């Protein structure tokens, strides 16, 4: 029996070493994947890498697997450093913002399935202030007329494509326009008039990086939009939508560096919004691609995933002050 257990342990250690090498290679490919779309795909799974490395490290230390256990511990430490900002304690609320009115933003990729969203908004019309809907049906604007009293201000570009987009607000627009951010992918840019002053808001949905052409379009979308924001007049700014990238992506990291925007999910936990079924597994099988980025003067009070509404994305709610 002892010989059998020893062989089983040796087999487990052997597999653990292989998993360690594969995870480290995948993480390096992803973190340095700005040279090609295929290695960049590996950048979105650092949460899963950290979980696998934790399991491998525990196993290798339990088996006293020599230098392999220390290599695993080092890899776990590096992956933990990458994902740690999701759980770092947020700075204390600024006293200067104590009396400001919170503004709640709701974002949802409906995947041409907006009935549950409309029902949710009708049940909780006061829960959000600004609604961004992606991949909405062409009839969505007509359906939203039932909520015109709650969200009287709107701008949309609705069609049958996956890049249909609409934004609704209880606050008026000072300016509003549909942008063509290269390659005919629309974005919505509005300047909201809120009790806290003007707020620049951009709703975006670049294409998924699946193949050379789509990846180049997605990267050009982020680059052009980043250049526009870097040259725009300084004011509180928010960019949100399904960006088809996580904050681990070299492309999105470059966009954030260029614009000075930060991820609203920092300190709020890692909310994996896609695919929606990952919520059944505490998000361990999903990735956070429904992103909201804010300029430094905006304070994030709460960011959370909402219940499943019939899409393969989960809706996200974010409460801000500025």
C-alpha atoms as a PDB file:
ATOM      1  CA  UNK A   1       0.000   0.000   0.000  1.00  0.00           C
ATOM      2  CA  UNK A   2       2.836   2.380   0.840  1.00  0.00           C
ATOM      3  CA  UNK A   3       4.412   1.730  -2.568  1.00  0.00           C
ATOM      4  CA  UNK A   4       1.071   2.458  -4.283  1.00  0.00           C
ATOM      5  CA  UNK A   5       0.675   5.747  -2.369  1.00  0.00           C
ATOM      6  CA  UNK A   6       4.244   6.699  -3.203  1.00  0.00           C
ATOM      7  CA  UNK A   7       3.648   6.132  -6.911  1.00  0.00           C
ATOM      8  CA  UNK A   8       0.401   8.091  -6.777  1.00  0.00           C
ATOM      9  CA  UNK A   9       2.209  10.977  -5.106  1.00  0.00           C
ATOM     10  CA  UNK A  10       4.970  10.910  -7.693  1.00  0.00           C
ATOM     11  CA  UNK A  11       2.366  11.003 -10.464  1.00  0.00           C
ATOM     12  CA  UNK A  12       0.588  13.964  -8.811  1.00  0.00           C
ATOM     13  CA  UNK A  13       3.858  15.854  -8.404  1.00  0.00           C
ATOM     14  CA  UNK A  14       4.748  15.160 -12.031  1.00  0.00           C
ATOM     15  CA  UNK A  15       1.395  16.529 -13.206  1.00  0.00           C
ATOM     16  CA  UNK A  16       1.680  19.509 -10.869  1.00  0.00           C
ATOM     17  CA  UNK A  17       5.067  20.406 -12.377  1.00  0.00           C
ATOM     18  CA  UNK A  18       3.575  20.257 -15.874  1.00  0.00           C
ATOM     19  CA  UNK A  19       0.640  22.448 -14.846  1.00  0.00           C
ATOM     20  CA  UNK A  20       3.079  24.913 -13.279  1.00  0.00           C
ATOM     21  CA  UNK A  21       5.108  25.184 -16.483  1.00  0.00           C
ATOM     22  CA  UNK A  22       2.010  25.519 -18.667  1.00  0.00           C
ATOM     23  CA  UNK A  23       0.462  28.230 -16.481  1.00  0.00           C
ATOM     24  CA  UNK A  24       3.702  30.225 -16.312  1.00  0.00           C
ATOM     25  CA  UNK A  25       4.109  30.051 -20.095  1.00  0.00           C
ATOM     26  CA  UNK A  26       0.488  31.098 -20.646  1.00  0.00           C
ATOM     27  CA  UNK A  27       0.849  34.040 -18.247  1.00  0.00           C
ATOM     28  CA  UNK A  28       4.049  35.254 -19.925  1.00  0.00           C
ATOM     29  CA  UNK A  29       2.430  34.966 -23.365  1.00  0.00           C
ATOM     30  CA  UNK A  30      -0.573  36.969 -22.211  1.00  0.00           C
ATOM     31  CA  UNK A  31       1.303  39.707 -20.348  1.00  0.00           C
ATOM     32  CA  UNK A  32       3.588  40.345 -23.317  1.00  0.00           C
ATOM     33  CA  UNK A  33       0.951  39.610 -25.968  1.00  0.00           C
ATOM     34  CA  UNK A  34       0.731  43.051 -27.563  1.00  0.00           C
ATOM     35  CA  UNK A  35       2.623  41.737 -30.608  1.00  0.00           C
ATOM     36  CA  UNK A  36      -0.153  39.392 -31.776  1.00  0.00           C
ATOM     37  CA  UNK A  37      -3.795  38.741 -31.018  1.00  0.00           C
ATOM     38  CA  UNK A  38      -3.344  35.025 -30.286  1.00  0.00           C
ATOM     39  CA  UNK A  39      -0.969  35.306 -27.290  1.00  0.00           C
ATOM     40  CA  UNK A  40      -2.997  38.282 -26.055  1.00  0.00           C
ATOM     41  CA  UNK A  41      -5.947  35.925 -25.533  1.00  0.00           C
ATOM     42  CA  UNK A  42      -3.949  34.320 -22.718  1.00  0.00           C
ATOM     43  CA  UNK A  43      -3.869  37.659 -20.858  1.00  0.00           C
ATOM     44  CA  UNK A  44      -7.488  37.505 -19.755  1.00  0.00           C
ATOM     45  CA  UNK A  45      -7.203  34.545 -17.369  1.00  0.00           C
ATOM     46  CA  UNK A  46      -4.943  35.717 -14.541  1.00  0.00           C
ATOM     47  CA  UNK A  47      -7.645  34.983 -11.987  1.00  0.00           C
ATOM     48  CA  UNK A  48      -7.721  31.369 -13.161  1.00  0.00           C
ATOM     49  CA  UNK A  49      -3.908  31.235 -13.292  1.00  0.00           C
ATOM     50  CA  UNK A  50      -3.721  32.364  -9.664  1.00  0.00           C
ATOM     51  CA  UNK A  51      -6.210  29.703  -8.579  1.00  0.00           C
ATOM     52  CA  UNK A  52      -4.340  26.940 -10.420  1.00  0.00           C
ATOM     53  CA  UNK A  53      -1.013  28.132  -9.012  1.00  0.00           C
ATOM     54  CA  UNK A  54      -2.435  28.129  -5.495  1.00  0.00           C
ATOM     55  CA  UNK A  55      -3.519  24.504  -5.875  1.00  0.00           C
ATOM     56  CA  UNK A  56      -0.188  23.499  -7.421  1.00  0.00           C
ATOM     57  CA  UNK A  57       1.806  25.304  -4.727  1.00  0.00           C
ATOM     58  CA  UNK A  58      -0.115  23.619  -1.906  1.00  0.00           C
ATOM     59  CA  UNK A  59       0.384  20.213  -3.521  1.00  0.00           C
ATOM     60  CA  UNK A  60       4.115  20.700  -4.134  1.00  0.00           C
ATOM     61  CA  UNK A  61       4.744  21.925  -0.580  1.00  0.00           C
ATOM     62  CA  UNK A  62       2.735  19.032   0.831  1.00  0.00           C
ATOM     63  CA  UNK A  63       4.835  16.638  -1.266  1.00  0.00           C
ATOM     64  CA  UNK A  64       8.058  18.511  -0.342  1.00  0.00           C
ATOM     65  CA  UNK A  65       8.923  18.691  -4.007  1.00  0.00           C
ATOM     66  CA  UNK A  66      12.317  20.359  -3.698  1.00  0.00           C
ATOM     67  CA  UNK A  67      12.965  23.515  -5.718  1.00  0.00           C
ATOM     68  CA  UNK A  68       9.710  23.070  -7.647  1.00  0.00           C
ATOM     69  CA  UNK A  69       7.694  24.198  -4.635  1.00  0.00           C
ATOM     70  CA  UNK A  70       9.672  27.444  -4.393  1.00  0.00           C
ATOM     71  CA  UNK A  71       9.250  28.061  -8.107  1.00  0.00           C
ATOM     72  CA  UNK A  72       5.510  27.555  -7.681  1.00  0.00           C
ATOM     73  CA  UNK A  73       5.438  29.925  -4.704  1.00  0.00           C
ATOM     74  CA  UNK A  74       7.275  32.590  -6.725  1.00  0.00           C
ATOM     75  CA  UNK A  75       4.844  32.209  -9.630  1.00  0.00           C
ATOM     76  CA  UNK A  76       1.908  32.398  -7.224  1.00  0.00           C
ATOM     77  CA  UNK A  77       3.317  35.592  -5.722  1.00  0.00           C
ATOM     78  CA  UNK A  78       3.670  37.228  -9.138  1.00  0.00           C
ATOM     79  CA  UNK A  79       0.171  36.239 -10.236  1.00  0.00           C
ATOM     80  CA  UNK A  80      -1.179  37.458  -6.907  1.00  0.00           C
ATOM     81  CA  UNK A  81       0.522  40.810  -7.459  1.00  0.00           C
ATOM     82  CA  UNK A  82      -1.227  41.106 -10.854  1.00  0.00           C
ATOM     83  CA  UNK A  83      -4.717  40.440  -9.498  1.00  0.00           C
ATOM     84  CA  UNK A  84      -4.277  42.100  -6.081  1.00  0.00           C
ATOM     85  CA  UNK A  85      -5.687  45.501  -7.165  1.00  0.00           C
ATOM     86  CA  UNK A  86      -9.137  43.913  -7.369  1.00  0.00           C
ATOM     87  CA  UNK A  87      -9.055  43.471  -3.594  1.00  0.00           C
ATOM     88  CA  UNK A  88      -6.805  46.276  -2.372  1.00  0.00           C
ATOM     89  CA  UNK A  89      -8.769  48.395   0.108  1.00  0.00           C
ATOM     90  CA  UNK A  90     -10.184  51.463  -1.591  1.00  0.00           C
ATOM     91  CA  UNK A  91      -8.972  54.813  -0.252  1.00  0.00           C
ATOM     92  CA  UNK A  92     -11.302  56.351   2.328  1.00  0.00           C
ATOM     93  CA  UNK A  93     -14.070  58.570   0.909  1.00  0.00           C
ATOM     94  CA  UNK A  94     -12.921  62.110   0.330  1.00  0.00           C
ATOM     95  CA  UNK A  95     -14.525  64.645   2.701  1.00  0.00           C
ATOM     96  CA  UNK A  96     -14.790  66.980  -0.290  1.00  0.00           C
ATOM     97  CA  UNK A  97     -17.213  64.541  -1.930  1.00  0.00           C
ATOM     98  CA  UNK A  98     -19.264  63.746   1.173  1.00  0.00           C
ATOM     99  CA  UNK A  99     -22.242  65.857   0.117  1.00  0.00           C
ATOM    100  CA  UNK A 100     -22.163  65.005  -3.583  1.00  0.00           C
ATOM    101  CA  UNK A 101     -25.029  63.141  -5.228  1.00  0.00           C
ATOM    102  CA  UNK A 102     -24.109  59.543  -6.208  1.00  0.00           C
ATOM    103  CA  UNK A 103     -24.731  58.689  -9.860  1.00  0.00           C
ATOM    104  CA  UNK A 104     -25.398  55.034 -10.703  1.00  0.00           C
ATOM    105  CA  UNK A 105     -24.431  53.600 -14.090  1.00  0.00           C
ATOM    106  CA  UNK A 106     -25.886  50.376 -15.477  1.00  0.00           C
ATOM    107  CA  UNK A 107     -24.317  48.487 -18.377  1.00  0.00           C
ATOM    108  CA  UNK A 108     -25.538  45.377 -20.123  1.00  0.00           C
ATOM    109  CA  UNK A 109     -24.754  43.483 -23.308  1.00  0.00           C
ATOM    110  CA  UNK A 110     -28.263  42.214 -24.048  1.00  0.00           C
ATOM    111  CA  UNK A 111     -27.351  39.957 -27.004  1.00  0.00           C
ATOM    112  CA  UNK A 112     -30.632  40.835 -28.753  1.00  0.00           C
ATOM    113  CA  UNK A 113     -32.541  39.745 -25.652  1.00  0.00           C
ATOM    114  CA  UNK A 114     -33.821  42.878 -23.935  1.00  0.00           C
ATOM    115  CA  UNK A 115     -37.180  41.732 -22.565  1.00  0.00           C
ATOM    116  CA  UNK A 116     -35.802  40.832 -19.142  1.00  0.00           C
ATOM    117  CA  UNK A 117     -33.870  44.100 -19.010  1.00  0.00           C
ATOM    118  CA  UNK A 118     -36.995  46.133 -19.702  1.00  0.00           C
ATOM    119  CA  UNK A 119     -38.856  44.201 -17.026  1.00  0.00           C
ATOM    120  CA  UNK A 120     -36.035  44.804 -14.539  1.00  0.00           C
ATOM    121  CA  UNK A 121     -35.957  48.538 -15.285  1.00  0.00           C
ATOM    122  CA  UNK A 122     -39.733  48.775 -14.863  1.00  0.00           C
ATOM    123  CA  UNK A 123     -39.511  46.993 -11.512  1.00  0.00           C
ATOM    124  CA  UNK A 124     -36.607  49.139 -10.276  1.00  0.00           C
ATOM    125  CA  UNK A 125     -36.834  52.447 -12.164  1.00  0.00           C
ATOM    126  CA  UNK A 126     -35.016  54.400  -9.418  1.00  0.00           C
ATOM    127  CA  UNK A 127     -32.137  51.937  -9.097  1.00  0.00           C
ATOM    128  CA  UNK A 128     -29.985  53.500 -11.821  1.00  0.00           C
ATOM    129  CA  UNK A 129     -29.438  56.907 -13.391  1.00  0.00           C
ATOM    130  CA  UNK A 130     -27.743  56.047 -16.689  1.00  0.00           C
ATOM    131  CA  UNK A 131     -28.347  52.887 -18.746  1.00  0.00           C
ATOM    132  CA  UNK A 132     -26.015  51.614 -21.486  1.00  0.00           C
ATOM    133  CA  UNK A 133     -27.376  48.741 -23.574  1.00  0.00           C
ATOM    134  CA  UNK A 134     -25.288  46.908 -26.156  1.00  0.00           C
ATOM    135  CA  UNK A 135     -26.566  44.576 -28.879  1.00  0.00           C
ATOM    136  CA  UNK A 136     -30.118  45.799 -28.343  1.00  0.00           C
ATOM    137  CA  UNK A 137     -32.854  45.035 -30.843  1.00  0.00           C
ATOM    138  CA  UNK A 138     -33.778  47.704 -33.434  1.00  0.00           C
ATOM    139  CA  UNK A 139     -37.131  48.102 -31.621  1.00  0.00           C
ATOM    140  CA  UNK A 140     -35.514  48.781 -28.253  1.00  0.00           C
ATOM    141  CA  UNK A 141     -36.080  52.557 -28.432  1.00  0.00           C
ATOM    142  CA  UNK A 142     -39.805  51.973 -28.934  1.00  0.00           C
ATOM    143  CA  UNK A 143     -39.915  49.592 -25.976  1.00  0.00           C
ATOM    144  CA  UNK A 144     -38.141  52.159 -23.763  1.00  0.00           C
ATOM    145  CA  UNK A 145     -40.928  54.703 -24.292  1.00  0.00           C
ATOM    146  CA  UNK A 146     -42.699  53.092 -21.334  1.00  0.00           C
ATOM    147  CA  UNK A 147     -39.836  54.425 -19.181  1.00  0.00           C
ATOM    148  CA  UNK A 148     -39.606  57.834 -20.831  1.00  0.00           C
ATOM    149  CA  UNK A 149     -40.592  59.575 -17.596  1.00  0.00           C
ATOM    150  CA  UNK A 150     -37.616  57.972 -15.810  1.00  0.00           C
ATOM    151  CA  UNK A 151     -35.088  58.196 -18.654  1.00  0.00           C
ATOM    152  CA  UNK A 152     -36.191  61.096 -20.847  1.00  0.00           C
ATOM    153  CA  UNK A 153     -32.786  61.699 -22.427  1.00  0.00           C
ATOM    154  CA  UNK A 154     -31.390  59.190 -24.871  1.00  0.00           C
ATOM    155  CA  UNK A 155     -29.111  58.589 -27.824  1.00  0.00           C
ATOM    156  CA  UNK A 156     -28.859  55.387 -29.792  1.00  0.00           C
ATOM    157  CA  UNK A 157     -27.693  53.673 -32.927  1.00  0.00           C
ATOM    158  CA  UNK A 158     -29.887  50.624 -33.179  1.00  0.00           C
ATOM    159  CA  UNK A 159     -29.706  47.997 -35.909  1.00  0.00           C
ATOM    160  CA  UNK A 160     -29.415  44.230 -36.327  1.00  0.00           C
ATOM    161  CA  UNK A 161     -25.621  44.192 -35.966  1.00  0.00           C
ATOM    162  CA  UNK A 162     -23.708  43.058 -32.854  1.00  0.00           C
ATOM    163  CA  UNK A 163     -22.660  46.694 -32.416  1.00  0.00           C
ATOM    164  CA  UNK A 164     -26.078  48.170 -31.791  1.00  0.00           C
ATOM    165  CA  UNK A 165     -25.764  50.614 -28.896  1.00  0.00           C
ATOM    166  CA  UNK A 166     -28.067  52.845 -26.842  1.00  0.00           C
ATOM    167  CA  UNK A 167     -27.720  55.123 -23.823  1.00  0.00           C
ATOM    168  CA  UNK A 168     -30.563  56.408 -21.621  1.00  0.00           C
ATOM    169  CA  UNK A 169     -30.314  58.924 -18.802  1.00  0.00           C
ATOM    170  CA  UNK A 170     -32.452  60.694 -16.232  1.00  0.00           C
ATOM    171  CA  UNK A 171     -29.962  63.590 -16.456  1.00  0.00           C
ATOM    172  CA  UNK A 172     -30.025  65.893 -19.500  1.00  0.00           C
ATOM    173  CA  UNK A 173     -27.335  65.982 -22.170  1.00  0.00           C
ATOM    174  CA  UNK A 174     -25.353  69.128 -22.779  1.00  0.00           C
ATOM    175  CA  UNK A 175     -23.945  67.484 -25.906  1.00  0.00           C
ATOM    176  CA  UNK A 176     -24.548  64.067 -27.471  1.00  0.00           C
ATOM    177  CA  UNK A 177     -23.173  62.398 -30.591  1.00  0.00           C
ATOM    178  CA  UNK A 178     -22.607  59.042 -32.218  1.00  0.00           C
ATOM    179  CA  UNK A 179     -18.922  58.604 -33.025  1.00  0.00           C
ATOM    180  CA  UNK A 180     -17.510  56.435 -35.767  1.00  0.00           C
ATOM    181  CA  UNK A 181     -14.262  55.305 -34.135  1.00  0.00           C
ATOM    182  CA  UNK A 182     -12.769  53.861 -37.298  1.00  0.00           C
ATOM    183  CA  UNK A 183     -13.895  50.823 -39.304  1.00  0.00           C
ATOM    184  CA  UNK A 184     -17.561  51.789 -38.778  1.00  0.00           C
ATOM    185  CA  UNK A 185     -17.733  50.763 -35.106  1.00  0.00           C
ATOM    186  CA  UNK A 186     -19.899  53.268 -33.235  1.00  0.00           C
ATOM    187  CA  UNK A 187     -19.422  54.794 -29.819  1.00  0.00           C
ATOM    188  CA  UNK A 188     -21.707  57.144 -27.934  1.00  0.00           C
ATOM    189  CA  UNK A 189     -20.295  60.314 -26.414  1.00  0.00           C
ATOM    190  CA  UNK A 190     -22.422  62.548 -24.196  1.00  0.00           C
ATOM    191  CA  UNK A 191     -21.777  65.286 -21.698  1.00  0.00           C
ATOM    192  CA  UNK A 192     -24.184  64.842 -18.818  1.00  0.00           C
ATOM    193  CA  UNK A 193     -25.532  67.729 -16.762  1.00  0.00           C
ATOM    194  CA  UNK A 194     -25.669  66.287 -13.223  1.00  0.00           C
ATOM    195  CA  UNK A 195     -26.046  67.845  -9.753  1.00  0.00           C
ATOM    196  CA  UNK A 196     -22.271  67.457  -9.363  1.00  0.00           C
ATOM    197  CA  UNK A 197     -21.436  69.269 -12.596  1.00  0.00           C
ATOM    198  CA  UNK A 198     -20.624  68.114 -16.124  1.00  0.00           C
ATOM    199  CA  UNK A 199     -19.525  64.551 -16.776  1.00  0.00           C
ATOM    200  CA  UNK A 200     -18.168  63.210 -20.057  1.00  0.00           C
ATOM    201  CA  UNK A 201     -19.511  59.704 -20.718  1.00  0.00           C
ATOM    202  CA  UNK A 202     -18.545  57.342 -23.536  1.00  0.00           C
ATOM    203  CA  UNK A 203     -20.322  54.074 -24.226  1.00  0.00           C
ATOM    204  CA  UNK A 204     -18.233  51.705 -26.322  1.00  0.00           C
ATOM    205  CA  UNK A 205     -18.265  48.194 -27.791  1.00  0.00           C
ATOM    206  CA  UNK A 206     -15.165  47.405 -29.851  1.00  0.00           C
ATOM    207  CA  UNK A 207     -15.082  44.098 -31.738  1.00  0.00           C
ATOM    208  CA  UNK A 208     -13.760  40.893 -30.158  1.00  0.00           C
ATOM    209  CA  UNK A 209     -10.110  40.087 -30.987  1.00  0.00           C
ATOM    210  CA  UNK A 210     -10.828  36.782 -32.728  1.00  0.00           C
ATOM    211  CA  UNK A 211      -8.587  36.749 -35.765  1.00  0.00           C
ATOM    212  CA  UNK A 212      -6.144  39.198 -37.311  1.00  0.00           C
ATOM    213  CA  UNK A 213      -8.730  41.532 -38.811  1.00  0.00           C
ATOM    214  CA  UNK A 214     -11.030  41.810 -35.803  1.00  0.00           C
ATOM    215  CA  UNK A 215      -8.069  42.195 -33.446  1.00  0.00           C
ATOM    216  CA  UNK A 216      -6.596  45.001 -35.555  1.00  0.00           C
ATOM    217  CA  UNK A 217      -9.989  46.737 -35.614  1.00  0.00           C
ATOM    218  CA  UNK A 218     -10.324  46.413 -31.820  1.00  0.00           C
ATOM    219  CA  UNK A 219      -6.801  47.729 -31.274  1.00  0.00           C
ATOM    220  CA  UNK A 220      -7.331  50.634 -33.685  1.00  0.00           C
ATOM    221  CA  UNK A 221     -10.627  51.466 -31.962  1.00  0.00           C
ATOM    222  CA  UNK A 222      -8.883  51.742 -28.577  1.00  0.00           C
ATOM    223  CA  UNK A 223      -5.952  53.661 -30.047  1.00  0.00           C
ATOM    224  CA  UNK A 224      -8.116  56.239 -31.859  1.00  0.00           C
ATOM    225  CA  UNK A 225     -10.419  56.695 -28.886  1.00  0.00           C
ATOM    226  CA  UNK A 226      -7.428  57.029 -26.569  1.00  0.00           C
ATOM    227  CA  UNK A 227      -5.925  59.744 -28.758  1.00  0.00           C
ATOM    228  CA  UNK A 228      -9.233  61.628 -28.799  1.00  0.00           C
ATOM    229  CA  UNK A 229      -9.557  61.501 -25.036  1.00  0.00           C
ATOM    230  CA  UNK A 230      -5.952  62.499 -24.462  1.00  0.00           C
ATOM    231  CA  UNK A 231      -6.536  65.637 -26.553  1.00  0.00           C
ATOM    232  CA  UNK A 232      -9.989  66.467 -25.138  1.00  0.00           C
ATOM    233  CA  UNK A 233     -10.763  69.199 -22.634  1.00  0.00           C
ATOM    234  CA  UNK A 234     -10.094  68.122 -19.058  1.00  0.00           C
ATOM    235  CA  UNK A 235     -13.242  67.150 -17.152  1.00  0.00           C
ATOM    236  CA  UNK A 236     -14.507  64.160 -15.169  1.00  0.00           C
ATOM    237  CA  UNK A 237     -14.655  61.324 -17.692  1.00  0.00           C
ATOM    238  CA  UNK A 238     -16.117  57.839 -17.745  1.00  0.00           C
ATOM    239  CA  UNK A 239     -15.749  55.141 -20.416  1.00  0.00           C
ATOM    240  CA  UNK A 240     -17.813  51.985 -20.134  1.00  0.00           C
ATOM    241  CA  UNK A 241     -19.097  49.047 -22.124  1.00  0.00           C
ATOM    242  CA  UNK A 242     -18.168  45.580 -23.295  1.00  0.00           C
ATOM    243  CA  UNK A 243     -14.567  46.284 -24.304  1.00  0.00           C
ATOM    244  CA  UNK A 244     -13.807  42.657 -25.284  1.00  0.00           C
ATOM    245  CA  UNK A 245     -10.683  42.784 -23.148  1.00  0.00           C
ATOM    246  CA  UNK A 246      -9.816  42.577 -19.473  1.00  0.00           C
ATOM    247  CA  UNK A 247      -7.588  45.014 -17.615  1.00  0.00           C
ATOM    248  CA  UNK A 248      -4.812  42.411 -17.905  1.00  0.00           C
ATOM    249  CA  UNK A 249      -4.732  42.893 -21.689  1.00  0.00           C
ATOM    250  CA  UNK A 250      -1.676  44.794 -22.975  1.00  0.00           C
ATOM    251  CA  UNK A 251      -3.979  46.708 -25.336  1.00  0.00           C
ATOM    252  CA  UNK A 252      -6.332  47.891 -22.604  1.00  0.00           C
ATOM    253  CA  UNK A 253      -3.417  48.633 -20.269  1.00  0.00           C
ATOM    254  CA  UNK A 254      -1.953  50.880 -22.973  1.00  0.00           C
ATOM    255  CA  UNK A 255      -5.318  52.629 -23.402  1.00  0.00           C
ATOM    256  CA  UNK A 256      -5.559  53.287 -19.659  1.00  0.00           C
ATOM    257  CA  UNK A 257      -1.988  54.572 -19.488  1.00  0.00           C
ATOM    258  CA  UNK A 258      -2.532  56.911 -22.448  1.00  0.00           C
ATOM    259  CA  UNK A 259      -5.791  58.355 -21.108  1.00  0.00           C
ATOM    260  CA  UNK A 260      -5.055  58.345 -17.373  1.00  0.00           C
ATOM    261  CA  UNK A 261      -8.248  56.390 -16.685  1.00  0.00           C
ATOM    262  CA  UNK A 262      -8.392  53.676 -14.030  1.00  0.00           C
ATOM    263  CA  UNK A 263     -10.482  50.563 -13.596  1.00  0.00           C
ATOM    264  CA  UNK A 264     -13.570  51.134 -11.414  1.00  0.00           C
ATOM    265  CA  UNK A 265     -13.308  47.535 -10.247  1.00  0.00           C
ATOM    266  CA  UNK A 266     -10.136  48.198  -8.230  1.00  0.00           C
ATOM    267  CA  UNK A 267     -10.905  47.371  -4.621  1.00  0.00           C
ATOM    268  CA  UNK A 268     -14.361  46.057  -5.522  1.00  0.00           C
ATOM    269  CA  UNK A 269     -13.492  42.382  -6.104  1.00  0.00           C
ATOM    270  CA  UNK A 270     -13.139  40.577  -9.409  1.00  0.00           C
ATOM    271  CA  UNK A 271     -16.604  40.537 -10.949  1.00  0.00           C
ATOM    272  CA  UNK A 272     -16.508  38.108 -13.867  1.00  0.00           C
ATOM    273  CA  UNK A 273     -19.306  39.367 -16.112  1.00  0.00           C
ATOM    274  CA  UNK A 274     -18.833  36.917 -18.997  1.00  0.00           C
ATOM    275  CA  UNK A 275     -19.936  34.233 -19.543  1.00  0.00           C
ATOM    276  CA  UNK A 276     -22.945  34.652 -17.292  1.00  0.00           C
ATOM    277  CA  UNK A 277     -23.017  30.976 -16.232  1.00  0.00           C
ATOM    278  CA  UNK A 278     -19.721  31.542 -14.386  1.00  0.00           C
ATOM    279  CA  UNK A 279     -21.759  33.157 -11.591  1.00  0.00           C
ATOM    280  CA  UNK A 280     -22.759  29.608 -10.575  1.00  0.00           C
ATOM    281  CA  UNK A 281     -19.081  28.935  -9.852  1.00  0.00           C
ATOM    282  CA  UNK A 282     -18.360  32.191  -7.972  1.00  0.00           C
ATOM    283  CA  UNK A 283     -16.962  33.702 -11.157  1.00  0.00           C
ATOM    284  CA  UNK A 284     -13.936  31.390 -11.271  1.00  0.00           C
ATOM    285  CA  UNK A 285     -14.725  30.347 -14.861  1.00  0.00           C
ATOM    286  CA  UNK A 286     -15.431  33.863 -16.170  1.00  0.00           C
ATOM    287  CA  UNK A 287     -13.572  37.035 -17.043  1.00  0.00           C
ATOM    288  CA  UNK A 288     -14.388  40.720 -16.381  1.00  0.00           C
ATOM    289  CA  UNK A 289     -14.807  42.223 -19.864  1.00  0.00           C
ATOM    290  CA  UNK A 290     -17.734  44.539 -19.099  1.00  0.00           C
ATOM    291  CA  UNK A 291     -15.539  47.377 -17.978  1.00  0.00           C
ATOM    292  CA  UNK A 292     -15.952  50.866 -16.562  1.00  0.00           C
ATOM    293  CA  UNK A 293     -12.991  53.251 -16.488  1.00  0.00           C
ATOM    294  CA  UNK A 294     -12.943  56.579 -14.660  1.00  0.00           C
ATOM    295  CA  UNK A 295     -10.705  59.632 -14.472  1.00  0.00           C
ATOM    296  CA  UNK A 296      -8.843  60.316 -11.188  1.00  0.00           C
ATOM    297  CA  UNK A 297     -11.345  62.802  -9.710  1.00  0.00           C
ATOM    298  CA  UNK A 298     -14.167  60.222  -9.760  1.00  0.00           C
ATOM    299  CA  UNK A 299     -14.653  58.094  -6.647  1.00  0.00           C
ATOM    300  CA  UNK A 300     -16.148  54.618  -6.943  1.00  0.00           C
ATOM    301  CA  UNK A 301     -18.532  53.881  -4.081  1.00  0.00           C
ATOM    302  CA  UNK A 302     -19.836  50.502  -5.254  1.00  0.00           C
ATOM    303  CA  UNK A 303     -19.539  48.191  -8.234  1.00  0.00           C
ATOM    304  CA  UNK A 304     -21.463  44.933  -8.421  1.00  0.00           C
ATOM    305  CA  UNK A 305     -22.782  42.289 -10.748  1.00  0.00           C
ATOM    306  CA  UNK A 306     -26.541  42.035 -11.050  1.00  0.00           C
ATOM    307  CA  UNK A 307     -28.642  38.889 -11.559  1.00  0.00           C
ATOM    308  CA  UNK A 308     -28.777  37.074 -14.873  1.00  0.00           C
ATOM    309  CA  UNK A 309     -31.107  38.758 -17.386  1.00  0.00           C
ATOM    310  CA  UNK A 310     -31.080  36.264 -20.240  1.00  0.00           C
ATOM    311  CA  UNK A 311     -27.802  37.186 -21.951  1.00  0.00           C
ATOM    312  CA  UNK A 312     -24.405  35.504 -21.865  1.00  0.00           C
ATOM    313  CA  UNK A 313     -23.233  38.702 -20.100  1.00  0.00           C
ATOM    314  CA  UNK A 314     -24.210  39.731 -16.587  1.00  0.00           C
ATOM    315  CA  UNK A 315     -25.379  43.320 -16.079  1.00  0.00           C
ATOM    316  CA  UNK A 316     -23.132  45.565 -13.991  1.00  0.00           C
ATOM    317  CA  UNK A 317     -24.062  48.477 -11.728  1.00  0.00           C
ATOM    318  CA  UNK A 318     -21.527  51.108 -10.590  1.00  0.00           C
ATOM    319  CA  UNK A 319     -22.216  53.953  -8.159  1.00  0.00           C
ATOM    320  CA  UNK A 320     -19.931  56.984  -8.438  1.00  0.00           C
ATOM    321  CA  UNK A 321     -19.404  60.431  -6.974  1.00  0.00           C
ATOM    322  CA  UNK A 322     -17.247  63.270  -8.285  1.00  0.00           C
END
